[in-house]
Each structure stands twice: as structure tokens, then as C-alpha cells.
PDB file of N, CA and C in Angstrom:
ATOM      1  N   UNK A   1      13.373  -8.752  10.478  1.00  0.00           N
ATOM      2  CA  UNK A   1      13.167  -9.525  11.676  1.00  0.00           C
ATOM      3  C   UNK A   1      11.733  -9.381  12.190  1.00  0.00           C
ATOM      4  N   UNK A   2      11.138  -8.187  12.051  1.00  0.00           N
ATOM      5  CA  UNK A   2       9.780  -7.995  12.534  1.00  0.00           C
ATOM      6  C   UNK A   2       8.767  -7.968  11.402  1.00  0.00           C
ATOM      7  N   UNK A   3       9.233  -8.141  10.165  1.00  0.00           N
ATOM      8  CA  UNK A   3       8.358  -8.067   9.005  1.00  0.00           C
ATOM      9  C   UNK A   3       8.783  -9.078   7.947  1.00  0.00           C
ATOM     10  N   UNK A   4       7.837  -9.356   7.070  1.00  0.00           N
ATOM     11  CA  UNK A   4       8.138 -10.121   5.873  1.00  0.00           C
ATOM     12  C   UNK A   4       8.133  -9.105   4.736  1.00  0.00           C
ATOM     13  N   UNK A   5       9.250  -8.938   4.070  1.00  0.00           N
ATOM     14  CA  UNK A   5       9.361  -7.944   3.013  1.00  0.00           C
ATOM     15  C   UNK A   5       9.717  -8.612   1.703  1.00  0.00           C
ATOM     16  N   UNK A   6       9.384  -7.925   0.617  1.00  0.00           N
ATOM     17  CA  UNK A   6       9.719  -8.456  -0.686  1.00  0.00           C
ATOM     18  C   UNK A   6       9.324  -7.491  -1.783  1.00  0.00           C
ATOM     19  N   UNK A   7       9.316  -8.022  -2.996  1.00  0.00           N
ATOM     20  CA  UNK A   7       9.045  -7.184  -4.151  1.00  0.00           C
ATOM     21  C   UNK A   7       8.348  -8.010  -5.221  1.00  0.00           C
ATOM     22  N   UNK A   8       7.339  -7.397  -5.832  1.00  0.00           N
ATOM     23  CA  UNK A   8       6.677  -7.969  -7.000  1.00  0.00           C
ATOM     24  C   UNK A   8       7.211  -7.220  -8.211  1.00  0.00           C
ATOM     25  N   UNK A   9       7.698  -7.953  -9.213  1.00  0.00           N
ATOM     26  CA  UNK A   9       8.238  -7.312 -10.401  1.00  0.00           C
ATOM     27  C   UNK A   9       7.576  -7.918 -11.619  1.00  0.00           C
ATOM     28  N   UNK A  10       7.115  -7.050 -12.516  1.00  0.00           N
ATOM     29  CA  UNK A  10       6.514  -7.510 -13.757  1.00  0.00           C
ATOM     30  C   UNK A  10       6.570  -6.401 -14.787  1.00  0.00           C
ATOM     31  N   UNK A  11       7.005  -6.739 -15.989  1.00  0.00           N
ATOM     32  CA  UNK A  11       7.131  -5.702 -16.998  1.00  0.00           C
ATOM     33  C   UNK A  11       8.126  -4.662 -16.512  1.00  0.00           C
ATOM     34  N   UNK A  12       7.716  -3.423 -16.519  1.00  0.00           N
ATOM     35  CA  UNK A  12       8.590  -2.346 -16.061  1.00  0.00           C
ATOM     36  C   UNK A  12       8.137  -1.767 -14.726  1.00  0.00           C
ATOM     37  N   UNK A  13       7.361  -2.537 -13.965  1.00  0.00           N
ATOM     38  CA  UNK A  13       6.845  -2.058 -12.688  1.00  0.00           C
ATOM     39  C   UNK A  13       7.370  -2.951 -11.564  1.00  0.00           C
ATOM     40  N   UNK A  14       7.820  -2.301 -10.497  1.00  0.00           N
ATOM     41  CA  UNK A  14       8.238  -3.020  -9.294  1.00  0.00           C
ATOM     42  C   UNK A  14       7.444  -2.459  -8.118  1.00  0.00           C
ATOM     43  N   UNK A  15       6.812  -3.346  -7.369  1.00  0.00           N
ATOM     44  CA  UNK A  15       6.067  -2.963  -6.176  1.00  0.00           C
ATOM     45  C   UNK A  15       6.680  -3.687  -4.982  1.00  0.00           C
ATOM     46  N   UNK A  16       7.066  -2.943  -3.974  1.00  0.00           N
ATOM     47  CA  UNK A  16       7.618  -3.520  -2.763  1.00  0.00           C
ATOM     48  C   UNK A  16       6.497  -3.744  -1.752  1.00  0.00           C
ATOM     49  N   UNK A  17       6.730  -4.660  -0.818  1.00  0.00           N
ATOM     50  CA  UNK A  17       5.743  -4.868   0.243  1.00  0.00           C
ATOM     51  C   UNK A  17       6.435  -5.110   1.565  1.00  0.00           C
ATOM     52  N   UNK A  18       5.695  -4.803   2.629  1.00  0.00           N
ATOM     53  CA  UNK A  18       6.144  -5.011   4.001  1.00  0.00           C
ATOM     54  C   UNK A  18       4.926  -5.493   4.789  1.00  0.00           C
ATOM     55  N   UNK A  19       5.020  -6.706   5.322  1.00  0.00           N
ATOM     56  CA  UNK A  19       3.916  -7.320   6.058  1.00  0.00           C
ATOM     57  C   UNK A  19       4.400  -7.626   7.469  1.00  0.00           C
ATOM     58  N   UNK A  20       3.734  -7.070   8.474  1.00  0.00           N
ATOM     59  CA  UNK A  20       4.117  -7.333   9.855  1.00  0.00           C
ATOM     60  C   UNK A  20       3.552  -6.293  10.801  1.00  0.00           C
ATOM     61  N   UNK A  21       4.097  -6.270  11.995  1.00  0.00           N
ATOM     62  CA  UNK A  21       3.587  -5.361  13.018  1.00  0.00           C
ATOM     63  C   UNK A  21       3.966  -3.909  12.795  1.00  0.00           C
ATOM     64  N   UNK A  22       5.044  -3.643  12.066  1.00  0.00           N
ATOM     65  CA  UNK A  22       5.557  -2.278  11.967  1.00  0.00           C
ATOM     66  C   UNK A  22       5.643  -1.773  10.529  1.00  0.00           C
ATOM     67  N   UNK A  23       4.753  -2.212   9.680  1.00  0.00           N
ATOM     68  CA  UNK A  23       4.761  -1.767   8.286  1.00  0.00           C
ATOM     69  C   UNK A  23       4.473  -0.278   8.196  1.00  0.00           C
ATOM     70  N   UNK A  24       5.051   0.368   7.201  1.00  0.00           N
ATOM     71  CA  UNK A  24       4.875   1.811   7.031  1.00  0.00           C
ATOM     72  C   UNK A  24       3.413   2.177   6.789  1.00  0.00           C
ATOM     73  N   UNK A  25       3.001   3.296   7.345  1.00  0.00           N
ATOM     74  CA  UNK A  25       1.626   3.758   7.158  1.00  0.00           C
ATOM     75  C   UNK A  25       1.544   4.969   6.225  1.00  0.00           C
ATOM     76  N   UNK A  26       2.653   5.300   5.596  1.00  0.00           N
ATOM     77  CA  UNK A  26       2.733   6.404   4.633  1.00  0.00           C
ATOM     78  C   UNK A  26       2.358   7.749   5.252  1.00  0.00           C
ATOM     79  N   UNK A  27       2.601   7.923   6.549  1.00  0.00           N
ATOM     80  CA  UNK A  27       2.289   9.204   7.191  1.00  0.00           C
ATOM     81  C   UNK A  27       3.068  10.363   6.578  1.00  0.00           C
ATOM     82  N   UNK A  28       4.211  10.074   5.980  1.00  0.00           N
ATOM     83  CA  UNK A  28       4.997  11.135   5.351  1.00  0.00           C
ATOM     84  C   UNK A  28       4.374  11.613   4.040  1.00  0.00           C
ATOM     85  N   UNK A  29       3.407  10.873   3.522  1.00  0.00           N
ATOM     86  CA  UNK A  29       2.727  11.221   2.269  1.00  0.00           C
ATOM     87  C   UNK A  29       1.479  12.036   2.603  1.00  0.00           C
ATOM     88  N   UNK A  30       1.588  13.349   2.514  1.00  0.00           N
ATOM     89  CA  UNK A  30       0.506  14.246   2.940  1.00  0.00           C
ATOM     90  C   UNK A  30       0.110  15.197   1.823  1.00  0.00           C
ATOM     91  N   UNK A  31      -1.080  15.764   2.001  1.00  0.00           N
ATOM     92  CA  UNK A  31      -1.539  16.840   1.138  1.00  0.00           C
ATOM     93  C   UNK A  31      -0.578  18.019   1.287  1.00  0.00           C
ATOM     94  N   UNK A  32      -0.329  18.838   0.343  1.00  0.00           N
ATOM     95  CA  UNK A  32      -0.925  18.847  -0.992  1.00  0.00           C
ATOM     96  C   UNK A  32      -0.141  18.038  -2.022  1.00  0.00           C
ATOM     97  N   UNK A  33       1.043  17.514  -1.648  1.00  0.00           N
ATOM     98  CA  UNK A  33       1.844  16.763  -2.619  1.00  0.00           C
ATOM     99  C   UNK A  33       1.213  15.425  -2.998  1.00  0.00           C
ATOM    100  N   UNK A  34       0.402  14.886  -2.105  1.00  0.00           N
ATOM    101  CA  UNK A  34      -0.199  13.566  -2.313  1.00  0.00           C
ATOM    102  C   UNK A  34      -1.718  13.636  -2.262  1.00  0.00           C
ATOM    103  N   UNK A  35      -2.325  12.758  -3.013  1.00  0.00           N
ATOM    104  CA  UNK A  35      -3.758  12.508  -2.902  1.00  0.00           C
ATOM    105  C   UNK A  35      -3.892  11.311  -1.969  1.00  0.00           C
ATOM    106  N   UNK A  36      -4.562  11.488  -0.833  1.00  0.00           N
ATOM    107  CA  UNK A  36      -4.710  10.438   0.172  1.00  0.00           C
ATOM    108  C   UNK A  36      -6.190  10.113   0.306  1.00  0.00           C
ATOM    109  N   UNK A  37      -6.544   8.837   0.141  1.00  0.00           N
ATOM    110  CA  UNK A  37      -7.926   8.404   0.285  1.00  0.00           C
ATOM    111  C   UNK A  37      -7.979   7.216   1.240  1.00  0.00           C
ATOM    112  N   UNK A  38      -9.155   7.015   1.834  1.00  0.00           N
ATOM    113  CA  UNK A  38      -9.387   5.867   2.700  1.00  0.00           C
ATOM    114  C   UNK A  38     -10.497   5.053   2.068  1.00  0.00           C
ATOM    115  N   UNK A  39     -10.240   3.770   1.883  1.00  0.00           N
ATOM    116  CA  UNK A  39     -11.153   2.896   1.160  1.00  0.00           C
ATOM    117  C   UNK A  39     -11.324   1.587   1.916  1.00  0.00           C
ATOM    118  N   UNK A  40     -12.262   0.786   1.440  1.00  0.00           N
ATOM    119  CA  UNK A  40     -12.404  -0.582   1.913  1.00  0.00           C
ATOM    120  C   UNK A  40     -12.047  -1.501   0.750  1.00  0.00           C
ATOM    121  N   UNK A  41     -11.072  -2.363   0.983  1.00  0.00           N
ATOM    122  CA  UNK A  41     -10.625  -3.313  -0.028  1.00  0.00           C
ATOM    123  C   UNK A  41     -10.680  -4.700   0.601  1.00  0.00           C
ATOM    124  N   UNK A  42     -11.384  -5.603  -0.025  1.00  0.00           N
ATOM    125  CA  UNK A  42     -11.522  -6.983   0.475  1.00  0.00           C
ATOM    126  C   UNK A  42     -12.024  -6.995   1.921  1.00  0.00           C
ATOM    127  N   UNK A  43     -12.910  -6.056   2.255  1.00  0.00           N
ATOM    128  CA  UNK A  43     -13.480  -6.000   3.589  1.00  0.00           C
ATOM    129  C   UNK A  43     -12.576  -5.393   4.644  1.00  0.00           C
ATOM    130  N   UNK A  44     -11.448  -4.831   4.245  1.00  0.00           N
ATOM    131  CA  UNK A  44     -10.497  -4.243   5.185  1.00  0.00           C
ATOM    132  C   UNK A  44     -10.284  -2.768   4.873  1.00  0.00           C
ATOM    133  N   UNK A  45     -10.182  -1.979   5.922  1.00  0.00           N
ATOM    134  CA  UNK A  45      -9.902  -0.553   5.771  1.00  0.00           C
ATOM    135  C   UNK A  45      -8.497  -0.373   5.202  1.00  0.00           C
ATOM    136  N   UNK A  46      -8.361   0.561   4.269  1.00  0.00           N
ATOM    137  CA  UNK A  46      -7.072   0.795   3.624  1.00  0.00           C
ATOM    138  C   UNK A  46      -6.853   2.280   3.377  1.00  0.00           C
ATOM    139  N   UNK A  47      -5.614   2.680   3.458  1.00  0.00           N
ATOM    140  CA  UNK A  47      -5.192   4.036   3.116  1.00  0.00           C
ATOM    141  C   UNK A  47      -4.443   3.946   1.790  1.00  0.00           C
ATOM    142  N   UNK A  48      -4.866   4.752   0.821  1.00  0.00           N
ATOM    143  CA  UNK A  48      -4.238   4.744  -0.500  1.00  0.00           C
ATOM    144  C   UNK A  48      -3.605   6.108  -0.725  1.00  0.00           C
ATOM    145  N   UNK A  49      -2.344   6.109  -1.146  1.00  0.00           N
ATOM    146  CA  UNK A  49      -1.638   7.355  -1.423  1.00  0.00           C
ATOM    147  C   UNK A  49      -1.084   7.330  -2.836  1.00  0.00           C
ATOM    148  N   UNK A  50      -1.085   8.511  -3.451  1.00  0.00           N
ATOM    149  CA  UNK A  50      -0.447   8.652  -4.757  1.00  0.00           C
ATOM    150  C   UNK A  50      -0.019  10.096  -4.908  1.00  0.00           C
ATOM    151  N   UNK A  51       1.139  10.308  -5.536  1.00  0.00           N
ATOM    152  CA  UNK A  51       1.610  11.682  -5.710  1.00  0.00           C
ATOM    153  C   UNK A  51       0.740  12.410  -6.725  1.00  0.00           C
ATOM    154  N   UNK A  52       0.550  13.687  -6.512  1.00  0.00           N
ATOM    155  CA  UNK A  52      -0.220  14.492  -7.467  1.00  0.00           C
ATOM    156  C   UNK A  52       0.546  14.669  -8.772  1.00  0.00           C
ATOM    157  N   UNK A  53       1.864  14.655  -8.701  1.00  0.00           N
ATOM    158  CA  UNK A  53       2.708  14.745  -9.899  1.00  0.00           C
ATOM    159  C   UNK A  53       3.291  13.360 -10.165  1.00  0.00           C
ATOM    160  N   UNK A  54       2.870  12.740 -11.264  1.00  0.00           N
ATOM    161  CA  UNK A  54       3.364  11.410 -11.612  1.00  0.00           C
ATOM    162  C   UNK A  54       4.876  11.376 -11.691  1.00  0.00           C
ATOM    163  N   UNK A  55       5.439  10.254 -11.255  1.00  0.00           N
ATOM    164  CA  UNK A  55       6.882  10.074 -11.339  1.00  0.00           C
ATOM    165  C   UNK A  55       7.652  10.644 -10.169  1.00  0.00           C
ATOM    166  N   UNK A  56       6.952  11.174  -9.149  1.00  0.00           N
ATOM    167  CA  UNK A  56       7.648  11.819  -8.034  1.00  0.00           C
ATOM    168  C   UNK A  56       7.042  11.424  -6.699  1.00  0.00           C
ATOM    169  N   UNK A  57       7.406  10.265  -6.175  1.00  0.00           N
ATOM    170  CA  UNK A  57       6.919   9.870  -4.861  1.00  0.00           C
ATOM    171  C   UNK A  57       6.360   8.465  -4.836  1.00  0.00           C
ATOM    172  N   UNK A  58       5.682   8.164  -3.731  1.00  0.00           N
ATOM    173  CA  UNK A  58       5.139   6.834  -3.501  1.00  0.00           C
ATOM    174  C   UNK A  58       3.700   6.715  -3.998  1.00  0.00           C
ATOM    175  N   UNK A  59       3.406   5.580  -4.623  1.00  0.00           N
ATOM    176  CA  UNK A  59       2.043   5.166  -4.901  1.00  0.00           C
ATOM    177  C   UNK A  59       1.867   3.903  -4.065  1.00  0.00           C
ATOM    178  N   UNK A  60       0.970   3.942  -3.068  1.00  0.00           N
ATOM    179  CA  UNK A  60       0.911   2.804  -2.173  1.00  0.00           C
ATOM    180  C   UNK A  60      -0.431   2.597  -1.512  1.00  0.00           C
ATOM    181  N   UNK A  61      -0.558   1.427  -0.906  1.00  0.00           N
ATOM    182  CA  UNK A  61      -1.733   1.083  -0.119  1.00  0.00           C
ATOM    183  C   UNK A  61      -1.245   0.524   1.208  1.00  0.00           C
ATOM    184  N   UNK A  62      -1.977   0.872   2.271  1.00  0.00           N
ATOM    185  CA  UNK A  62      -1.631   0.440   3.617  1.00  0.00           C
ATOM    186  C   UNK A  62      -2.880  -0.112   4.293  1.00  0.00           C
ATOM    187  N   UNK A  63      -2.763  -1.329   4.792  1.00  0.00           N
ATOM    188  CA  UNK A  63      -3.833  -1.970   5.561  1.00  0.00           C
ATOM    189  C   UNK A  63      -3.380  -2.017   7.017  1.00  0.00           C
ATOM    190  N   UNK A  64      -4.022  -1.268   7.932  1.00  0.00           N
ATOM    191  CA  UNK A  64      -3.592  -1.267   9.333  1.00  0.00           C
ATOM    192  C   UNK A  64      -3.907  -2.557  10.085  1.00  0.00           C
ATOM    193  N   UNK A  65      -4.775  -3.391   9.532  1.00  0.00           N
ATOM    194  CA  UNK A  65      -5.109  -4.660  10.186  1.00  0.00           C
ATOM    195  C   UNK A  65      -5.581  -5.646   9.124  1.00  0.00           C
ATOM    196  N   UNK A  66      -4.779  -6.653   8.871  1.00  0.00           N
ATOM    197  CA  UNK A  66      -5.129  -7.643   7.848  1.00  0.00           C
ATOM    198  C   UNK A  66      -5.796  -8.874   8.424  1.00  0.00           C
ATOM    199  N   UNK A  67      -5.950  -8.914   9.745  1.00  0.00           N
ATOM    200  CA  UNK A  67      -6.532 -10.082  10.387  1.00  0.00           C
ATOM    201  C   UNK A  67      -8.048  -9.993  10.389  1.00  0.00           C
ATOM    202  N   UNK A  68      -8.680 -11.140  10.387  1.00  0.00           N
ATOM    203  CA  UNK A  68     -10.144 -11.170  10.383  1.00  0.00           C
ATOM    204  C   UNK A  68     -10.726 -11.062  11.791  1.00  0.00           C
ATOM    205  N   UNK A  69      -9.904 -11.293  12.812  1.00  0.00           N
ATOM    206  CA  UNK A  69     -10.424 -11.160  14.170  1.00  0.00           C
ATOM    207  C   UNK A  69     -10.064  -9.783  14.732  1.00  0.00           C
ATOM    208  N   UNK A  70     -10.597  -9.453  15.870  1.00  0.00           N
ATOM    209  CA  UNK A  70     -10.366  -8.133  16.457  1.00  0.00           C
ATOM    210  C   UNK A  70      -9.339  -8.168  17.592  1.00  0.00           C
ATOM    211  N   UNK A  71      -8.611  -9.241  17.729  1.00  0.00           N
ATOM    212  CA  UNK A  71      -7.607  -9.372  18.775  1.00  0.00           C
ATOM    213  C   UNK A  71      -6.511  -8.317  18.569  1.00  0.00           C
ATOM    214  N   UNK A  72      -6.337  -7.373  19.503  1.00  0.00           N
ATOM    215  CA  UNK A  72      -5.336  -6.323  19.320  1.00  0.00           C
ATOM    216  C   UNK A  72      -3.902  -6.838  19.310  1.00  0.00           C
ATOM    217  N   UNK A  73      -3.691  -8.060  19.780  1.00  0.00           N
ATOM    218  CA  UNK A  73      -2.345  -8.634  19.745  1.00  0.00           C
ATOM    219  C   UNK A  73      -2.017  -9.218  18.380  1.00  0.00           C
ATOM    220  N   UNK A  74      -2.998  -9.295  17.512  1.00  0.00           N
ATOM    221  CA  UNK A  74      -2.792  -9.835  16.163  1.00  0.00           C
ATOM    222  C   UNK A  74      -3.146  -8.761  15.141  1.00  0.00           C
ATOM    223  N   UNK A  75      -2.428  -7.703  15.112  1.00  0.00           N
ATOM    224  CA  UNK A  75      -2.676  -6.602  14.185  1.00  0.00           C
ATOM    225  C   UNK A  75      -1.587  -6.560  13.122  1.00  0.00           C
ATOM    226  N   UNK A  76      -1.541  -7.577  12.282  1.00  0.00           N
ATOM    227  CA  UNK A  76      -0.571  -7.565  11.193  1.00  0.00           C
ATOM    228  C   UNK A  76      -0.977  -6.511  10.182  1.00  0.00           C
ATOM    229  N   UNK A  77      -0.012  -5.727   9.764  1.00  0.00           N
ATOM    230  CA  UNK A  77      -0.234  -4.644   8.818  1.00  0.00           C
ATOM    231  C   UNK A  77       0.390  -5.035   7.479  1.00  0.00           C
ATOM    232  N   UNK A  78      -0.082  -4.397   6.418  1.00  0.00           N
ATOM    233  CA  UNK A  78       0.482  -4.634   5.093  1.00  0.00           C
ATOM    234  C   UNK A  78       0.588  -3.310   4.363  1.00  0.00           C
ATOM    235  N   UNK A  79       1.760  -3.061   3.815  1.00  0.00           N
ATOM    236  CA  UNK A  79       1.979  -1.904   2.953  1.00  0.00           C
ATOM    237  C   UNK A  79       2.556  -2.410   1.633  1.00  0.00           C
ATOM    238  N   UNK A  80       2.019  -1.900   0.536  1.00  0.00           N
ATOM    239  CA  UNK A  80       2.522  -2.230  -0.801  1.00  0.00           C
ATOM    240  C   UNK A  80       2.694  -0.908  -1.527  1.00  0.00           C
ATOM    241  N   UNK A  81       3.829  -0.720  -2.191  1.00  0.00           N
ATOM    242  CA  UNK A  81       4.076   0.563  -2.847  1.00  0.00           C
ATOM    243  C   UNK A  81       5.060   0.451  -3.996  1.00  0.00           C
ATOM    244  N   UNK A  82       4.969   1.443  -4.875  1.00  0.00           N
ATOM    245  CA  UNK A  82       5.942   1.666  -5.921  1.00  0.00           C
ATOM    246  C   UNK A  82       6.445   3.086  -5.775  1.00  0.00           C
ATOM    247  N   UNK A  83       7.639   3.328  -6.256  1.00  0.00           N
ATOM    248  CA  UNK A  83       8.209   4.668  -6.116  1.00  0.00           C
ATOM    249  C   UNK A  83       8.520   5.252  -7.483  1.00  0.00           C
ATOM    250  N   UNK A  84       8.152   6.536  -7.634  1.00  0.00           N
ATOM    251  CA  UNK A  84       8.424   7.299  -8.847  1.00  0.00           C
ATOM    252  C   UNK A  84       7.836   6.626 -10.091  1.00  0.00           C
ATOM    253  N   UNK A  85       6.600   6.144  -9.975  1.00  0.00           N
ATOM    254  CA  UNK A  85       5.921   5.480 -11.091  1.00  0.00           C
ATOM    255  C   UNK A  85       5.389   6.507 -12.079  1.00  0.00           C
ATOM    256  N   UNK A  86       5.381   6.138 -13.348  1.00  0.00           N
ATOM    257  CA  UNK A  86       4.757   6.980 -14.358  1.00  0.00           C
ATOM    258  C   UNK A  86       3.245   6.961 -14.138  1.00  0.00           C
ATOM    259  N   UNK A  87       2.524   7.831 -14.829  1.00  0.00           N
ATOM    260  CA  UNK A  87       1.063   7.845 -14.694  1.00  0.00           C
ATOM    261  C   UNK A  87       0.459   6.487 -15.050  1.00  0.00           C
ATOM    262  N   UNK A  88       0.946   5.861 -16.121  1.00  0.00           N
ATOM    263  CA  UNK A  88       0.430   4.553 -16.533  1.00  0.00           C
ATOM    264  C   UNK A  88       0.756   3.489 -15.488  1.00  0.00           C
ATOM    265  N   UNK A  89       1.950   3.535 -14.932  1.00  0.00           N
ATOM    266  CA  UNK A  89       2.325   2.580 -13.898  1.00  0.00           C
ATOM    267  C   UNK A  89       1.510   2.796 -12.627  1.00  0.00           C
ATOM    268  N   UNK A  90       1.227   4.060 -12.280  1.00  0.00           N
ATOM    269  CA  UNK A  90       0.383   4.356 -11.120  1.00  0.00           C
ATOM    270  C   UNK A  90      -1.000   3.758 -11.297  1.00  0.00           C
ATOM    271  N   UNK A  91      -1.585   3.953 -12.478  1.00  0.00           N
ATOM    272  CA  UNK A  91      -2.917   3.405 -12.742  1.00  0.00           C
ATOM    273  C   UNK A  91      -2.919   1.888 -12.588  1.00  0.00           C
ATOM    274  N   UNK A  92      -1.884   1.227 -13.106  1.00  0.00           N
ATOM    275  CA  UNK A  92      -1.784  -0.226 -12.979  1.00  0.00           C
ATOM    276  C   UNK A  92      -1.625  -0.631 -11.510  1.00  0.00           C
ATOM    277  N   UNK A  93      -0.776   0.063 -10.776  1.00  0.00           N
ATOM    278  CA  UNK A  93      -0.574  -0.257  -9.358  1.00  0.00           C
ATOM    279  C   UNK A  93      -1.875  -0.102  -8.583  1.00  0.00           C
ATOM    280  N   UNK A  94      -2.622   0.960  -8.844  1.00  0.00           N
ATOM    281  CA  UNK A  94      -3.886   1.167  -8.140  1.00  0.00           C
ATOM    282  C   UNK A  94      -4.888   0.060  -8.450  1.00  0.00           C
ATOM    283  N   UNK A  95      -4.880  -0.454  -9.671  1.00  0.00           N
ATOM    284  CA  UNK A  95      -5.744  -1.590 -10.014  1.00  0.00           C
ATOM    285  C   UNK A  95      -5.284  -2.848  -9.286  1.00  0.00           C
ATOM    286  N   UNK A  96      -3.980  -3.048  -9.219  1.00  0.00           N
ATOM    287  CA  UNK A  96      -3.434  -4.210  -8.511  1.00  0.00           C
ATOM    288  C   UNK A  96      -3.809  -4.151  -7.034  1.00  0.00           C
ATOM    289  N   UNK A  97      -3.720  -2.967  -6.427  1.00  0.00           N
ATOM    290  CA  UNK A  97      -4.059  -2.830  -5.006  1.00  0.00           C
ATOM    291  C   UNK A  97      -5.488  -3.292  -4.731  1.00  0.00           C
ATOM    292  N   UNK A  98      -6.382  -3.044  -5.650  1.00  0.00           N
ATOM    293  CA  UNK A  98      -7.797  -3.413  -5.460  1.00  0.00           C
ATOM    294  C   UNK A  98      -8.024  -4.914  -5.509  1.00  0.00           C
ATOM    295  N   UNK A  99      -7.031  -5.702  -5.927  1.00  0.00           N
ATOM    296  CA  UNK A  99      -7.190  -7.156  -6.020  1.00  0.00           C
ATOM    297  C   UNK A  99      -6.756  -7.873  -4.743  1.00  0.00           C
ATOM    298  N   UNK A 100      -6.344  -7.138  -3.719  1.00  0.00           N
ATOM    299  CA  UNK A 100      -5.880  -7.752  -2.459  1.00  0.00           C
ATOM    300  C   UNK A 100      -6.983  -8.632  -1.866  1.00  0.00           C
ATOM    301  N   UNK A 101      -6.589  -9.769  -1.347  1.00  0.00           N
ATOM    302  CA  UNK A 101      -7.511 -10.690  -0.681  1.00  0.00           C
ATOM    303  C   UNK A 101      -6.838 -11.207   0.579  1.00  0.00           C
ATOM    304  N   UNK A 102      -7.620 -11.422   1.623  1.00  0.00           N
ATOM    305  CA  UNK A 102      -7.109 -11.898   2.898  1.00  0.00           C
ATOM    306  C   UNK A 102      -7.890 -13.133   3.329  1.00  0.00           C
ATOM    307  N   UNK A 103      -7.185 -14.098   3.961  1.00  0.00           N
ATOM    308  CA  UNK A 103      -7.874 -15.318   4.405  1.00  0.00           C
ATOM    309  C   UNK A 103      -8.855 -15.044   5.517  1.00  0.00           C
TER     310      UNK A 103
END
């Protein structure tokens, strides 16, 4: 009701997404179990998480603001993630995350 959710499936990889005001920010994914980095992707700040042990946890990206304007009432968020991905699947997901584009 407050988000647009779905799943991208290809080959043996499934990535879920949540787009809206209350998308997950992966706060539960913390050091030392996770490697957490902050990056800029397509001109937007992003939080990237991946488990230190492949196959055990979330590999995901979170954009706290996907809008091009600074209006605080329009802060649509986007989270995309896979769960329990193999090392090869994690590498592919991380490459896919870097292809994000926003209007």
C-alpha cells in the first residue's frame, strides 16, 4: 500500500525491490557480519551491503532519495536485494546495482 514491490528474476538469481516512502535501509546489516559501503550511483547517494560470508544474508543497495529535487515531501526510497546469494551471484548483483538510473 505504501510501496511498489516486486522481483527481478533471471537465470538462478532473484533480486527483490521495494520502492516508496518506507523502503528498508538495511540497518540490520552491520559490521562485522556485513561489509557496508556508501557510494554514489547515477548521481544518487547509496548504501551497499553484502555479507562477509557468501550465501548467508542480504546483498543489497539502498537509495534514501531517488528524486532529483530536494523537496522533503518527495523522498521516494529504493531498496534492491538478494538473499543468501553465492559469491558469483553477489558479484553479478553488485554489477547490476551499478546500472541503476533515475529520471
